[in-house]
């Protein structure tokens, strides 16, 4: 967990995967792109900036390293009533508040159906529990 960013890194160290919660656009095709639900810290911002630099078509004049850090993808997850929506996406832009707001590649996964907590059977009431606690002797 370098700098508190939990990653899974491929054996060749070319690709890394992190997990984040997304907004209501997560797992849905089209525009606008989803955003992360929460702003991210400097480690994530730096990883996204490295992604954007590595994905540039033309040399921007920045000095490129011969050994590159991994491209950092995100498993973006959103729980909605009745389903969980996910995508594996490659971020390429962060706004001034640290939210990831743009993705160069998005792999939309099929939604996962889940029962809402309101649909569960309520627990049966039980008899009151009485536990005797004797006073401590000093």
C-alpha atoms as a PDB file:
ATOM      1  CA  UNK A   1       0.000   0.000   0.000  1.00  0.00           C
ATOM      2  CA  UNK A   2       2.447   2.695  -1.110  1.00  0.00           C
ATOM      3  CA  UNK A   3       1.366   6.057   0.337  1.00  0.00           C
ATOM      4  CA  UNK A   4      -1.885   4.425   1.523  1.00  0.00           C
ATOM      5  CA  UNK A   5      -3.039   3.569  -2.010  1.00  0.00           C
ATOM      6  CA  UNK A   6      -3.984  -0.123  -2.062  1.00  0.00           C
ATOM      7  CA  UNK A   7      -3.041  -1.613  -5.426  1.00  0.00           C
ATOM      8  CA  UNK A   8      -2.893  -4.979  -7.120  1.00  0.00           C
ATOM      9  CA  UNK A   9       0.052  -4.902  -9.541  1.00  0.00           C
ATOM     10  CA  UNK A  10       0.570  -7.262 -12.481  1.00  0.00           C
ATOM     11  CA  UNK A  11       3.667  -9.499 -12.367  1.00  0.00           C
ATOM     12  CA  UNK A  12       5.353  -7.442 -15.129  1.00  0.00           C
ATOM     13  CA  UNK A  13       4.484  -4.241 -13.196  1.00  0.00           C
ATOM     14  CA  UNK A  14       2.887  -2.688 -16.291  1.00  0.00           C
ATOM     15  CA  UNK A  15      -0.647  -2.447 -14.859  1.00  0.00           C
ATOM     16  CA  UNK A  16      -2.046  -1.701 -11.402  1.00  0.00           C
ATOM     17  CA  UNK A  17      -5.623  -1.874 -10.147  1.00  0.00           C
ATOM     18  CA  UNK A  18      -7.208   0.132  -7.323  1.00  0.00           C
ATOM     19  CA  UNK A  19     -10.814   0.240  -6.098  1.00  0.00           C
ATOM     20  CA  UNK A  20     -13.005   3.337  -5.647  1.00  0.00           C
ATOM     21  CA  UNK A  21     -16.665   4.185  -5.165  1.00  0.00           C
ATOM     22  CA  UNK A  22     -18.260   5.946  -8.113  1.00  0.00           C
ATOM     23  CA  UNK A  23     -21.252   8.219  -8.622  1.00  0.00           C
ATOM     24  CA  UNK A  24     -24.615   7.388 -10.244  1.00  0.00           C
ATOM     25  CA  UNK A  25     -23.032   7.253 -13.757  1.00  0.00           C
ATOM     26  CA  UNK A  26     -20.832   4.272 -12.771  1.00  0.00           C
ATOM     27  CA  UNK A  27     -21.450   1.216 -14.927  1.00  0.00           C
ATOM     28  CA  UNK A  28     -23.556   3.139 -17.457  1.00  0.00           C
ATOM     29  CA  UNK A  29     -22.525   3.661 -21.078  1.00  0.00           C
ATOM     30  CA  UNK A  30     -22.212   7.099 -22.607  1.00  0.00           C
ATOM     31  CA  UNK A  31     -21.526  10.579 -21.392  1.00  0.00           C
ATOM     32  CA  UNK A  32     -21.034  12.219 -19.047  1.00  0.00           C
ATOM     33  CA  UNK A  33     -18.340  10.010 -17.584  1.00  0.00           C
ATOM     34  CA  UNK A  34     -18.748   8.880 -14.005  1.00  0.00           C
ATOM     35  CA  UNK A  35     -16.803  10.591 -11.237  1.00  0.00           C
ATOM     36  CA  UNK A  36     -15.422   9.139  -8.076  1.00  0.00           C
ATOM     37  CA  UNK A  37     -17.794   9.636  -5.172  1.00  0.00           C
ATOM     38  CA  UNK A  38     -15.051  11.214  -3.080  1.00  0.00           C
ATOM     39  CA  UNK A  39     -12.078  13.423  -3.856  1.00  0.00           C
ATOM     40  CA  UNK A  40      -8.732  11.634  -3.892  1.00  0.00           C
ATOM     41  CA  UNK A  41      -5.433  12.496  -2.301  1.00  0.00           C
ATOM     42  CA  UNK A  42      -2.078  13.387  -3.848  1.00  0.00           C
ATOM     43  CA  UNK A  43      -1.041   9.755  -4.457  1.00  0.00           C
ATOM     44  CA  UNK A  44      -4.076   9.059  -6.666  1.00  0.00           C
ATOM     45  CA  UNK A  45      -3.809  12.443  -8.376  1.00  0.00           C
ATOM     46  CA  UNK A  46      -0.171  11.670  -9.188  1.00  0.00           C
ATOM     47  CA  UNK A  47      -1.080   8.212 -10.562  1.00  0.00           C
ATOM     48  CA  UNK A  48      -3.779   9.716 -12.821  1.00  0.00           C
ATOM     49  CA  UNK A  49      -1.357  12.377 -14.056  1.00  0.00           C
ATOM     50  CA  UNK A  50       1.189   9.629 -14.863  1.00  0.00           C
ATOM     51  CA  UNK A  51      -1.549   7.753 -16.778  1.00  0.00           C
ATOM     52  CA  UNK A  52      -2.308  10.867 -18.842  1.00  0.00           C
ATOM     53  CA  UNK A  53       1.385  11.430 -19.542  1.00  0.00           C
ATOM     54  CA  UNK A  54       1.941   7.833 -20.655  1.00  0.00           C
ATOM     55  CA  UNK A  55      -1.118   7.930 -22.913  1.00  0.00           C
ATOM     56  CA  UNK A  56      -0.058  11.076 -24.799  1.00  0.00           C
ATOM     57  CA  UNK A  57       0.061  10.529 -28.535  1.00  0.00           C
ATOM     58  CA  UNK A  58       2.751  13.107 -29.134  1.00  0.00           C
ATOM     59  CA  UNK A  59       5.715  14.013 -26.978  1.00  0.00           C
ATOM     60  CA  UNK A  60       4.774  17.071 -24.932  1.00  0.00           C
ATOM     61  CA  UNK A  61       8.394  17.888 -24.221  1.00  0.00           C
ATOM     62  CA  UNK A  62       8.302  16.272 -20.792  1.00  0.00           C
ATOM     63  CA  UNK A  63      11.198  13.971 -20.140  1.00  0.00           C
ATOM     64  CA  UNK A  64      10.077  10.339 -20.378  1.00  0.00           C
ATOM     65  CA  UNK A  65      11.612   7.699 -18.139  1.00  0.00           C
ATOM     66  CA  UNK A  66      12.800   4.456 -19.661  1.00  0.00           C
ATOM     67  CA  UNK A  67      11.171   2.416 -16.907  1.00  0.00           C
ATOM     68  CA  UNK A  68       7.586   3.501 -16.554  1.00  0.00           C
ATOM     69  CA  UNK A  69       5.358   3.198 -13.514  1.00  0.00           C
ATOM     70  CA  UNK A  70       2.281   1.027 -14.073  1.00  0.00           C
ATOM     71  CA  UNK A  71      -0.863   2.360 -15.698  1.00  0.00           C
ATOM     72  CA  UNK A  72      -3.291   2.598 -12.777  1.00  0.00           C
ATOM     73  CA  UNK A  73      -6.791   1.332 -13.552  1.00  0.00           C
ATOM     74  CA  UNK A  74      -9.731   1.539 -11.146  1.00  0.00           C
ATOM     75  CA  UNK A  75     -12.499  -0.882 -10.336  1.00  0.00           C
ATOM     76  CA  UNK A  76     -15.252   1.689  -9.909  1.00  0.00           C
ATOM     77  CA  UNK A  77     -18.231   0.423  -7.870  1.00  0.00           C
ATOM     78  CA  UNK A  78     -21.701   1.886  -7.207  1.00  0.00           C
ATOM     79  CA  UNK A  79     -24.448   0.331  -5.065  1.00  0.00           C
ATOM     80  CA  UNK A  80     -27.953   1.305  -6.159  1.00  0.00           C
ATOM     81  CA  UNK A  81     -31.332  -0.014  -5.042  1.00  0.00           C
ATOM     82  CA  UNK A  82     -31.497  -3.602  -6.281  1.00  0.00           C
ATOM     83  CA  UNK A  83     -28.104  -3.726  -8.000  1.00  0.00           C
ATOM     84  CA  UNK A  84     -24.386  -3.111  -7.885  1.00  0.00           C
ATOM     85  CA  UNK A  85     -22.855  -1.498 -10.986  1.00  0.00           C
ATOM     86  CA  UNK A  86     -19.134  -1.791 -11.739  1.00  0.00           C
ATOM     87  CA  UNK A  87     -16.602  -0.903 -14.367  1.00  0.00           C
ATOM     88  CA  UNK A  88     -12.860  -1.247 -14.797  1.00  0.00           C
ATOM     89  CA  UNK A  89     -11.639   2.072 -16.137  1.00  0.00           C
ATOM     90  CA  UNK A  90      -8.412   3.934 -16.872  1.00  0.00           C
ATOM     91  CA  UNK A  91      -8.516   7.488 -15.466  1.00  0.00           C
ATOM     92  CA  UNK A  92      -6.870  10.355 -17.304  1.00  0.00           C
ATOM     93  CA  UNK A  93      -8.088  13.512 -15.528  1.00  0.00           C
ATOM     94  CA  UNK A  94      -8.702  14.784 -12.004  1.00  0.00           C
ATOM     95  CA  UNK A  95     -10.492  18.039 -11.160  1.00  0.00           C
ATOM     96  CA  UNK A  96      -9.215  20.683  -8.729  1.00  0.00           C
ATOM     97  CA  UNK A  97     -10.994  18.960  -5.810  1.00  0.00           C
ATOM     98  CA  UNK A  98      -9.333  15.590  -6.471  1.00  0.00           C
ATOM     99  CA  UNK A  99     -12.309  13.834  -8.075  1.00  0.00           C
ATOM    100  CA  UNK A 100     -11.462  11.558 -10.992  1.00  0.00           C
ATOM    101  CA  UNK A 101     -13.661  12.973 -13.767  1.00  0.00           C
ATOM    102  CA  UNK A 102     -12.451  11.474 -17.057  1.00  0.00           C
ATOM    103  CA  UNK A 103     -11.509   7.999 -18.254  1.00  0.00           C
ATOM    104  CA  UNK A 104      -9.627   7.068 -21.438  1.00  0.00           C
ATOM    105  CA  UNK A 105     -10.922   3.470 -21.437  1.00  0.00           C
ATOM    106  CA  UNK A 106     -14.002   2.044 -19.721  1.00  0.00           C
ATOM    107  CA  UNK A 107     -14.918  -1.623 -19.467  1.00  0.00           C
ATOM    108  CA  UNK A 108     -18.534  -1.757 -18.274  1.00  0.00           C
ATOM    109  CA  UNK A 109     -19.359  -4.924 -16.330  1.00  0.00           C
ATOM    110  CA  UNK A 110     -22.810  -6.492 -16.117  1.00  0.00           C
ATOM    111  CA  UNK A 111     -24.837  -5.251 -13.125  1.00  0.00           C
ATOM    112  CA  UNK A 112     -25.148  -7.574 -10.146  1.00  0.00           C
ATOM    113  CA  UNK A 113     -28.677  -7.946  -8.764  1.00  0.00           C
ATOM    114  CA  UNK A 114     -28.962  -7.775  -4.999  1.00  0.00           C
ATOM    115  CA  UNK A 115     -31.871  -7.851  -2.591  1.00  0.00           C
ATOM    116  CA  UNK A 116     -32.457  -4.555  -0.860  1.00  0.00           C
ATOM    117  CA  UNK A 117     -32.252  -4.581   2.922  1.00  0.00           C
ATOM    118  CA  UNK A 118     -35.899  -3.415   3.048  1.00  0.00           C
ATOM    119  CA  UNK A 119     -36.973  -6.683   1.386  1.00  0.00           C
ATOM    120  CA  UNK A 120     -35.492  -8.884   4.129  1.00  0.00           C
ATOM    121  CA  UNK A 121     -37.664 -10.518   6.749  1.00  0.00           C
ATOM    122  CA  UNK A 122     -37.462  -8.683  10.085  1.00  0.00           C
ATOM    123  CA  UNK A 123     -35.856 -10.562  12.947  1.00  0.00           C
ATOM    124  CA  UNK A 124     -38.219 -12.048  15.501  1.00  0.00           C
ATOM    125  CA  UNK A 125     -38.086 -10.299  18.863  1.00  0.00           C
ATOM    126  CA  UNK A 126     -36.344 -12.246  21.592  1.00  0.00           C
ATOM    127  CA  UNK A 127     -36.805 -12.272  25.333  1.00  0.00           C
ATOM    128  CA  UNK A 128     -34.990  -9.533  27.161  1.00  0.00           C
ATOM    129  CA  UNK A 129     -31.470 -10.504  28.121  1.00  0.00           C
ATOM    130  CA  UNK A 130     -30.405  -9.738  31.668  1.00  0.00           C
ATOM    131  CA  UNK A 131     -26.740 -10.124  32.530  1.00  0.00           C
ATOM    132  CA  UNK A 132     -25.740  -9.711  36.138  1.00  0.00           C
ATOM    133  CA  UNK A 133     -22.502  -7.818  36.658  1.00  0.00           C
ATOM    134  CA  UNK A 134     -21.266  -7.960  40.247  1.00  0.00           C
ATOM    135  CA  UNK A 135     -19.533  -4.868  41.587  1.00  0.00           C
ATOM    136  CA  UNK A 136     -15.774  -4.956  41.620  1.00  0.00           C
ATOM    137  CA  UNK A 137     -14.110  -5.339  44.949  1.00  0.00           C
ATOM    138  CA  UNK A 138     -11.206  -2.958  45.477  1.00  0.00           C
END
